[in-house]
Amino acid sequence: MEFSDTEALKQQLLASNTQFAELAREHKSYDERLTQLAALHYPNADEQMEEATLKKKKLYLKDQMETILRQYKQEQVASH
């Protein structure tokens, strides 16, 4: 599947799969907070810990989203 096909599939899943949409919303929220933390010139220890934790959580969400995408692609291949 090409990049544009994958993006189209993501958009379709955002509209039709509530679990995927929730994961994407949470992923975006973490990304926004990480952007805020990255803008800090001298983050304190708590902010550094928050940043590390959010990066791990964000990666976990991305993995879950990729699993849903992969399952959906396999279902489409199997039905054709």
Foldseek 3Di string as FASTA:
>chain_A
DDPVVLVVVLVVCCVPPPVLVVLVVVLVVLVVVLVVLVPDPDDDPVSVVSNVVSVVSSVVSVVVNVVVSVVVVVVVVVVD
